[in-house]
């Protein structure tokens, strides 16, 4: 039995011409690069969450059939547990831009072999595991 809070999140790994999309956080939000995505809300599927968050954060319009689950992360920190589902897509519509300017200042493309140094540790972990072909990984910390 799992006790405590379990938070479910969904994130997007969006490819375009061999690069992936990252959002640069504003300084008050850490100033690091991260993937598009966020919390799965009540009465919302993980895929619906990625579609909603992609538009809200980056102006990207996705279709459910373009999203493919490629990795699941189970993160345990202190007494909190988080399940994060990572979906990959190659197709989208819309005008790419960082829309939630209070949280993000840039939307940028990076090659997987040349990721920024200030990539969040969790995203770095997931991209490594994903590239290694691992569908599931864990981060356990106290």
N, C-alpha and C. Protein backbone atom coordinates (compact mmCIF):
# COMPACT_ATOMS: atom_id res chain seq x y z
N UNK A 1 0.84 -1.19 0.00
CA UNK A 1 0.00 0.00 0.00
C UNK A 1 0.88 1.25 0.00
N UNK A 2 0.55 2.18 -0.86
CA UNK A 2 1.28 3.44 -0.93
C UNK A 2 0.53 4.45 -0.07
N UNK A 3 1.25 5.05 0.86
CA UNK A 3 0.62 6.09 1.68
C UNK A 3 1.21 7.44 1.33
N UNK A 4 0.51 8.47 1.71
CA UNK A 4 0.99 9.82 1.40
C UNK A 4 0.43 10.32 0.09
N UNK A 5 0.99 11.39 -0.36
CA UNK A 5 0.53 12.04 -1.59
C UNK A 5 1.21 11.45 -2.82
N UNK A 6 0.43 11.20 -3.85
CA UNK A 6 0.98 10.81 -5.14
C UNK A 6 0.56 11.85 -6.15
N UNK A 7 1.53 12.45 -6.79
CA UNK A 7 1.30 13.49 -7.78
C UNK A 7 1.55 12.87 -9.16
N UNK A 8 0.65 13.06 -10.10
CA UNK A 8 0.80 12.54 -11.46
C UNK A 8 1.06 13.71 -12.40
N UNK A 9 2.12 13.59 -13.18
CA UNK A 9 2.49 14.63 -14.14
C UNK A 9 2.66 14.00 -15.52
N UNK A 10 2.63 14.84 -16.53
CA UNK A 10 2.89 14.41 -17.91
C UNK A 10 3.75 15.46 -18.59
N UNK A 11 4.72 14.99 -19.36
CA UNK A 11 5.66 15.89 -20.03
C UNK A 11 5.81 15.49 -21.49
N UNK A 12 6.30 16.46 -22.28
CA UNK A 12 6.44 16.28 -23.72
C UNK A 12 7.91 16.27 -24.13
N UNK A 13 8.27 15.28 -24.93
CA UNK A 13 9.55 15.26 -25.63
C UNK A 13 9.21 15.51 -27.09
N UNK A 14 9.36 16.75 -27.53
CA UNK A 14 8.98 17.14 -28.89
C UNK A 14 10.22 17.24 -29.77
N UNK A 15 10.22 16.47 -30.87
CA UNK A 15 11.34 16.46 -31.80
C UNK A 15 11.03 17.30 -33.03
N UNK A 16 12.07 17.96 -33.54
CA UNK A 16 11.97 18.71 -34.80
C UNK A 16 13.37 18.81 -35.39
N UNK A 17 13.57 18.22 -36.56
CA UNK A 17 14.85 18.27 -37.27
C UNK A 17 16.00 17.81 -36.37
N UNK A 18 15.78 16.72 -35.64
CA UNK A 18 16.83 16.15 -34.81
C UNK A 18 17.06 16.84 -33.47
N UNK A 19 16.22 17.81 -33.14
CA UNK A 19 16.37 18.53 -31.88
C UNK A 19 15.13 18.36 -31.02
N UNK A 20 15.28 18.62 -29.71
CA UNK A 20 14.13 18.58 -28.81
C UNK A 20 13.87 19.98 -28.26
N UNK A 21 12.62 20.20 -27.91
CA UNK A 21 12.19 21.48 -27.38
C UNK A 21 12.39 21.53 -25.87
N UNK A 22 13.00 22.62 -25.40
CA UNK A 22 13.14 22.88 -23.97
C UNK A 22 12.67 24.29 -23.68
N UNK A 23 12.11 24.46 -22.50
CA UNK A 23 11.71 25.78 -22.03
C UNK A 23 12.71 26.26 -20.99
N UNK A 24 13.11 27.52 -21.10
CA UNK A 24 14.00 28.10 -20.09
C UNK A 24 13.16 28.82 -19.05
N UNK A 25 13.31 28.37 -17.80
CA UNK A 25 12.57 28.97 -16.70
C UNK A 25 13.08 30.38 -16.42
N UNK A 26 12.18 31.22 -15.89
CA UNK A 26 12.61 32.54 -15.42
C UNK A 26 13.48 32.33 -14.18
N UNK A 27 14.27 33.33 -13.82
CA UNK A 27 15.15 33.23 -12.64
C UNK A 27 14.39 32.85 -11.37
N UNK A 28 13.24 33.50 -11.07
CA UNK A 28 12.53 33.12 -9.84
C UNK A 28 12.05 31.66 -9.83
N UNK A 29 11.95 31.05 -11.00
CA UNK A 29 11.51 29.66 -11.10
C UNK A 29 12.68 28.68 -11.25
N UNK A 30 13.89 29.17 -11.05
CA UNK A 30 15.07 28.30 -11.09
C UNK A 30 16.06 28.63 -12.19
N UNK A 31 15.58 29.22 -13.31
CA UNK A 31 16.48 29.60 -14.40
C UNK A 31 17.03 28.44 -15.21
N UNK A 32 16.51 27.24 -15.00
CA UNK A 32 16.99 26.06 -15.72
C UNK A 32 16.13 25.76 -16.94
N UNK A 33 16.62 24.82 -17.75
CA UNK A 33 15.84 24.34 -18.89
C UNK A 33 15.06 23.10 -18.46
N UNK A 34 13.84 22.98 -18.97
CA UNK A 34 12.98 21.87 -18.64
C UNK A 34 12.11 21.52 -19.84
N UNK A 35 11.36 20.45 -19.72
CA UNK A 35 10.42 20.04 -20.77
C UNK A 35 9.06 20.67 -20.54
N UNK A 36 8.30 20.77 -21.60
CA UNK A 36 6.91 21.23 -21.52
C UNK A 36 6.12 20.18 -20.74
N UNK A 37 5.19 20.63 -19.90
CA UNK A 37 4.31 19.70 -19.21
C UNK A 37 4.00 20.15 -17.80
N UNK A 38 3.18 19.36 -17.12
CA UNK A 38 2.80 19.71 -15.76
C UNK A 38 1.89 18.68 -15.14
N UNK A 39 1.13 19.10 -14.16
CA UNK A 39 0.24 18.22 -13.42
C UNK A 39 -0.93 17.73 -14.27
N UNK A 40 -1.27 16.47 -14.09
CA UNK A 40 -2.49 15.92 -14.67
C UNK A 40 -3.61 16.33 -13.73
N UNK A 41 -4.57 17.07 -14.25
CA UNK A 41 -5.65 17.59 -13.43
C UNK A 41 -6.77 16.57 -13.26
N UNK A 42 -7.63 16.82 -12.29
CA UNK A 42 -8.77 15.96 -12.02
C UNK A 42 -9.62 15.80 -13.29
N UNK A 43 -10.03 14.58 -13.57
CA UNK A 43 -10.84 14.24 -14.75
C UNK A 43 -10.11 14.49 -16.07
N UNK A 44 -8.80 14.39 -16.05
CA UNK A 44 -7.99 14.62 -17.25
C UNK A 44 -7.03 13.44 -17.39
N UNK A 45 -6.87 12.94 -18.61
CA UNK A 45 -5.89 11.88 -18.83
C UNK A 45 -4.50 12.50 -18.98
N UNK A 46 -3.48 11.67 -18.90
CA UNK A 46 -2.11 12.16 -19.07
C UNK A 46 -1.92 12.77 -20.47
N UNK A 47 -2.49 12.11 -21.47
CA UNK A 47 -2.37 12.62 -22.84
C UNK A 47 -3.08 13.97 -22.97
N UNK A 48 -4.26 14.10 -22.38
CA UNK A 48 -4.98 15.38 -22.41
C UNK A 48 -4.17 16.47 -21.70
N UNK A 49 -3.50 16.10 -20.61
CA UNK A 49 -2.67 17.05 -19.87
C UNK A 49 -1.53 17.58 -20.74
N UNK A 50 -0.87 16.69 -21.47
CA UNK A 50 0.24 17.12 -22.35
C UNK A 50 -0.28 18.05 -23.44
N UNK A 51 -1.43 17.74 -23.99
CA UNK A 51 -2.01 18.58 -25.04
C UNK A 51 -2.32 19.98 -24.48
N UNK A 52 -2.96 20.02 -23.31
CA UNK A 52 -3.32 21.30 -22.68
C UNK A 52 -2.06 22.09 -22.30
N UNK A 53 -1.14 21.45 -21.59
CA UNK A 53 0.07 22.14 -21.13
C UNK A 53 0.93 22.63 -22.30
N UNK A 54 0.98 21.85 -23.37
CA UNK A 54 1.78 22.25 -24.54
C UNK A 54 1.27 23.54 -25.15
N UNK A 55 -0.06 23.68 -25.20
CA UNK A 55 -0.62 24.92 -25.73
C UNK A 55 -0.43 26.07 -24.74
N UNK A 56 -0.72 25.82 -23.47
CA UNK A 56 -0.60 26.88 -22.46
C UNK A 56 0.82 27.40 -22.32
N UNK A 57 1.80 26.49 -22.31
CA UNK A 57 3.18 26.89 -22.07
C UNK A 57 3.94 27.31 -23.32
N UNK A 58 3.64 26.67 -24.46
CA UNK A 58 4.47 26.90 -25.64
C UNK A 58 3.72 27.18 -26.93
N UNK A 59 2.39 27.30 -26.91
CA UNK A 59 1.63 27.60 -28.11
C UNK A 59 1.55 26.45 -29.09
N UNK A 60 1.85 25.25 -28.65
CA UNK A 60 1.88 24.06 -29.51
C UNK A 60 0.51 23.38 -29.48
N UNK A 61 0.00 23.03 -30.66
CA UNK A 61 -1.25 22.30 -30.77
C UNK A 61 -0.91 20.86 -31.18
N UNK A 62 -1.27 19.91 -30.32
CA UNK A 62 -0.98 18.50 -30.55
C UNK A 62 -2.27 17.71 -30.72
N UNK A 63 -2.17 16.59 -31.42
CA UNK A 63 -3.30 15.66 -31.56
C UNK A 63 -2.97 14.41 -30.74
N UNK A 64 -3.98 13.81 -30.11
CA UNK A 64 -3.73 12.62 -29.30
C UNK A 64 -2.97 11.52 -30.04
N UNK A 65 -3.29 11.32 -31.32
CA UNK A 65 -2.64 10.25 -32.08
C UNK A 65 -1.17 10.51 -32.36
N UNK A 66 -0.70 11.74 -32.17
CA UNK A 66 0.71 12.07 -32.37
C UNK A 66 1.56 11.87 -31.12
N UNK A 67 0.93 11.55 -30.00
CA UNK A 67 1.64 11.38 -28.73
C UNK A 67 1.85 9.91 -28.42
N UNK A 68 3.10 9.54 -28.15
CA UNK A 68 3.45 8.16 -27.85
C UNK A 68 4.20 8.11 -26.52
N UNK A 69 3.70 7.31 -25.58
CA UNK A 69 4.34 7.17 -24.28
C UNK A 69 5.69 6.49 -24.46
N UNK A 70 6.77 7.15 -23.97
CA UNK A 70 8.11 6.60 -24.16
C UNK A 70 8.87 6.38 -22.86
N UNK A 71 8.40 6.97 -21.75
CA UNK A 71 9.10 6.76 -20.48
C UNK A 71 8.18 7.08 -19.31
N UNK A 72 8.37 6.33 -18.22
CA UNK A 72 7.65 6.59 -16.98
C UNK A 72 8.69 6.72 -15.87
N UNK A 73 8.61 7.80 -15.12
CA UNK A 73 9.51 8.05 -14.00
C UNK A 73 8.73 7.97 -12.70
N UNK A 74 9.28 7.22 -11.74
CA UNK A 74 8.71 7.19 -10.38
C UNK A 74 9.73 7.91 -9.50
N UNK A 75 9.33 9.05 -8.98
CA UNK A 75 10.24 9.87 -8.17
C UNK A 75 9.70 9.93 -6.74
N UNK A 76 10.56 9.56 -5.80
CA UNK A 76 10.18 9.60 -4.38
C UNK A 76 11.15 10.55 -3.68
N UNK A 77 10.58 11.57 -3.05
CA UNK A 77 11.38 12.53 -2.30
C UNK A 77 10.65 12.84 -1.01
N UNK A 78 11.36 12.61 0.12
CA UNK A 78 10.76 12.75 1.44
C UNK A 78 9.54 11.84 1.52
N UNK A 79 8.39 12.37 1.82
CA UNK A 79 7.17 11.56 1.92
C UNK A 79 6.27 11.72 0.69
N UNK A 80 6.79 12.34 -0.37
CA UNK A 80 5.98 12.57 -1.56
C UNK A 80 6.41 11.64 -2.69
N UNK A 81 5.43 11.20 -3.45
CA UNK A 81 5.69 10.37 -4.60
C UNK A 81 5.14 11.04 -5.85
N UNK A 82 5.89 10.92 -6.93
CA UNK A 82 5.49 11.52 -8.20
C UNK A 82 5.65 10.48 -9.30
N UNK A 83 4.62 10.36 -10.11
CA UNK A 83 4.68 9.54 -11.32
C UNK A 83 4.63 10.51 -12.49
N UNK A 84 5.63 10.44 -13.37
CA UNK A 84 5.68 11.34 -14.52
C UNK A 84 5.72 10.49 -15.79
N UNK A 85 4.76 10.76 -16.68
CA UNK A 85 4.70 10.07 -17.97
C UNK A 85 5.23 11.01 -19.05
N UNK A 86 6.17 10.50 -19.83
CA UNK A 86 6.80 11.29 -20.89
C UNK A 86 6.31 10.79 -22.24
N UNK A 87 5.74 11.72 -23.00
CA UNK A 87 5.21 11.41 -24.32
C UNK A 87 6.10 12.05 -25.38
N UNK A 88 6.33 11.31 -26.45
CA UNK A 88 7.12 11.81 -27.58
C UNK A 88 6.18 12.19 -28.70
N UNK A 89 6.53 13.27 -29.41
CA UNK A 89 5.79 13.69 -30.60
C UNK A 89 6.76 14.27 -31.62
N UNK A 90 6.40 14.14 -32.88
CA UNK A 90 7.16 14.73 -33.97
C UNK A 90 6.35 15.77 -34.73
N UNK A 91 5.02 15.72 -34.59
CA UNK A 91 4.14 16.61 -35.34
C UNK A 91 3.37 17.52 -34.40
N UNK A 92 3.20 18.76 -34.82
CA UNK A 92 2.41 19.72 -34.07
C UNK A 92 2.04 20.88 -34.98
N UNK A 93 1.11 21.68 -34.53
CA UNK A 93 0.74 22.92 -35.20
C UNK A 93 0.90 24.05 -34.18
N UNK A 94 0.68 25.26 -34.65
CA UNK A 94 0.75 26.41 -33.76
C UNK A 94 2.04 27.19 -33.93
N UNK A 95 2.11 28.29 -33.20
CA UNK A 95 3.29 29.15 -33.25
C UNK A 95 4.06 29.01 -31.95
N UNK A 96 5.23 28.41 -32.05
CA UNK A 96 6.04 28.12 -30.87
C UNK A 96 6.54 29.40 -30.21
N UNK A 97 6.22 29.52 -28.92
CA UNK A 97 6.73 30.63 -28.12
C UNK A 97 6.48 30.32 -26.65
N UNK A 98 7.32 30.85 -25.77
CA UNK A 98 7.09 30.72 -24.33
C UNK A 98 5.92 31.63 -23.98
N UNK A 99 4.78 31.04 -23.64
CA UNK A 99 3.57 31.83 -23.42
C UNK A 99 3.35 32.21 -21.95
N UNK A 100 3.72 31.35 -21.04
CA UNK A 100 3.55 31.66 -19.62
C UNK A 100 4.80 32.39 -19.15
N UNK A 101 4.88 33.67 -19.49
CA UNK A 101 6.11 34.44 -19.29
C UNK A 101 6.47 34.65 -17.83
N UNK A 102 5.55 34.41 -16.92
CA UNK A 102 5.89 34.47 -15.50
C UNK A 102 6.68 33.23 -15.07
N UNK A 103 6.61 32.15 -15.88
CA UNK A 103 7.34 30.92 -15.57
C UNK A 103 8.50 30.65 -16.52
N UNK A 104 8.33 31.04 -17.79
CA UNK A 104 9.34 30.71 -18.81
C UNK A 104 9.70 31.94 -19.63
N UNK A 105 11.00 32.04 -19.98
CA UNK A 105 11.41 33.18 -20.80
C UNK A 105 11.74 32.82 -22.23
N UNK A 106 12.05 31.56 -22.50
CA UNK A 106 12.41 31.14 -23.86
C UNK A 106 11.89 29.74 -24.15
N UNK A 107 11.63 29.48 -25.42
CA UNK A 107 11.38 28.13 -25.94
C UNK A 107 12.46 27.90 -26.99
N UNK A 108 13.31 26.90 -26.76
CA UNK A 108 14.47 26.70 -27.63
C UNK A 108 14.64 25.23 -28.01
N UNK A 109 15.32 25.01 -29.14
CA UNK A 109 15.60 23.67 -29.64
C UNK A 109 17.05 23.30 -29.34
N UNK A 110 17.27 22.04 -28.93
CA UNK A 110 18.62 21.56 -28.62
C UNK A 110 18.79 20.14 -29.16
N UNK A 111 20.02 19.85 -29.64
CA UNK A 111 20.38 18.49 -30.01
C UNK A 111 20.61 17.70 -28.73
N UNK A 112 20.22 16.43 -28.72
CA UNK A 112 20.40 15.59 -27.53
C UNK A 112 21.87 15.46 -27.15
N UNK A 113 22.77 15.59 -28.13
CA UNK A 113 24.21 15.51 -27.85
C UNK A 113 24.78 16.82 -27.35
N UNK A 114 23.95 17.88 -27.32
CA UNK A 114 24.44 19.20 -26.92
C UNK A 114 23.40 19.91 -26.05
N UNK A 115 23.01 19.24 -24.97
CA UNK A 115 22.01 19.81 -24.07
C UNK A 115 22.64 20.91 -23.21
N UNK A 116 21.85 21.88 -22.78
CA UNK A 116 22.42 22.95 -21.96
C UNK A 116 22.89 22.43 -20.60
N UNK A 117 23.91 23.09 -20.06
CA UNK A 117 24.46 22.69 -18.76
C UNK A 117 23.44 22.84 -17.64
N UNK A 118 22.58 23.85 -17.75
CA UNK A 118 21.60 24.10 -16.69
C UNK A 118 20.24 23.45 -17.00
N UNK A 119 20.31 22.21 -17.47
CA UNK A 119 19.12 21.38 -17.64
C UNK A 119 18.76 20.82 -16.27
N UNK A 120 17.48 20.78 -15.93
CA UNK A 120 17.11 20.26 -14.61
C UNK A 120 17.63 18.82 -14.47
N UNK A 121 18.08 18.45 -13.28
CA UNK A 121 18.62 17.09 -13.08
C UNK A 121 17.62 15.99 -13.43
N UNK A 122 16.34 16.21 -13.14
CA UNK A 122 15.34 15.19 -13.46
C UNK A 122 15.22 15.01 -14.97
N UNK A 123 15.18 16.09 -15.73
CA UNK A 123 15.08 15.99 -17.19
C UNK A 123 16.34 15.34 -17.75
N UNK A 124 17.50 15.68 -17.22
CA UNK A 124 18.76 15.05 -17.68
C UNK A 124 18.69 13.53 -17.45
N UNK A 125 18.23 13.14 -16.27
CA UNK A 125 18.09 11.72 -15.93
C UNK A 125 17.15 11.02 -16.91
N UNK A 126 15.98 11.61 -17.13
CA UNK A 126 14.97 10.98 -18.00
C UNK A 126 15.46 10.88 -19.44
N UNK A 127 16.08 11.93 -19.96
CA UNK A 127 16.58 11.87 -21.34
C UNK A 127 17.67 10.82 -21.49
N UNK A 128 18.52 10.67 -20.47
CA UNK A 128 19.53 9.61 -20.51
C UNK A 128 18.86 8.24 -20.54
N UNK A 129 17.92 8.00 -19.62
CA UNK A 129 17.23 6.71 -19.54
C UNK A 129 16.47 6.42 -20.84
N UNK A 130 15.81 7.43 -21.37
CA UNK A 130 15.06 7.29 -22.62
C UNK A 130 16.00 6.90 -23.77
N UNK A 131 17.12 7.59 -23.87
CA UNK A 131 18.08 7.29 -24.94
C UNK A 131 18.69 5.90 -24.80
N UNK A 132 18.76 5.40 -23.57
CA UNK A 132 19.27 4.05 -23.32
C UNK A 132 18.22 2.99 -23.62
N UNK A 133 17.00 3.42 -23.94
CA UNK A 133 15.94 2.49 -24.28
C UNK A 133 15.16 1.99 -23.07
N UNK A 134 15.34 2.63 -21.93
CA UNK A 134 14.63 2.23 -20.71
C UNK A 134 13.28 2.91 -20.63
N UNK A 135 12.23 2.11 -20.53
CA UNK A 135 10.87 2.65 -20.48
C UNK A 135 10.52 3.16 -19.09
N UNK A 136 11.20 2.66 -18.06
CA UNK A 136 10.88 3.01 -16.68
C UNK A 136 12.16 3.32 -15.91
N UNK A 137 12.10 4.33 -15.04
CA UNK A 137 13.23 4.62 -14.15
C UNK A 137 12.71 5.19 -12.85
N UNK A 138 13.61 5.24 -11.86
CA UNK A 138 13.27 5.75 -10.54
C UNK A 138 14.31 6.73 -10.07
N UNK A 139 13.85 7.71 -9.31
CA UNK A 139 14.75 8.61 -8.56
C UNK A 139 14.26 8.55 -7.12
N UNK A 140 15.11 8.02 -6.25
CA UNK A 140 14.76 7.88 -4.85
C UNK A 140 15.69 8.74 -4.02
N UNK A 141 15.13 9.67 -3.27
CA UNK A 141 15.95 10.51 -2.39
C UNK A 141 15.21 10.74 -1.09
N UNK A 142 15.97 11.02 -0.05
CA UNK A 142 15.36 11.22 1.27
C UNK A 142 15.44 12.65 1.69
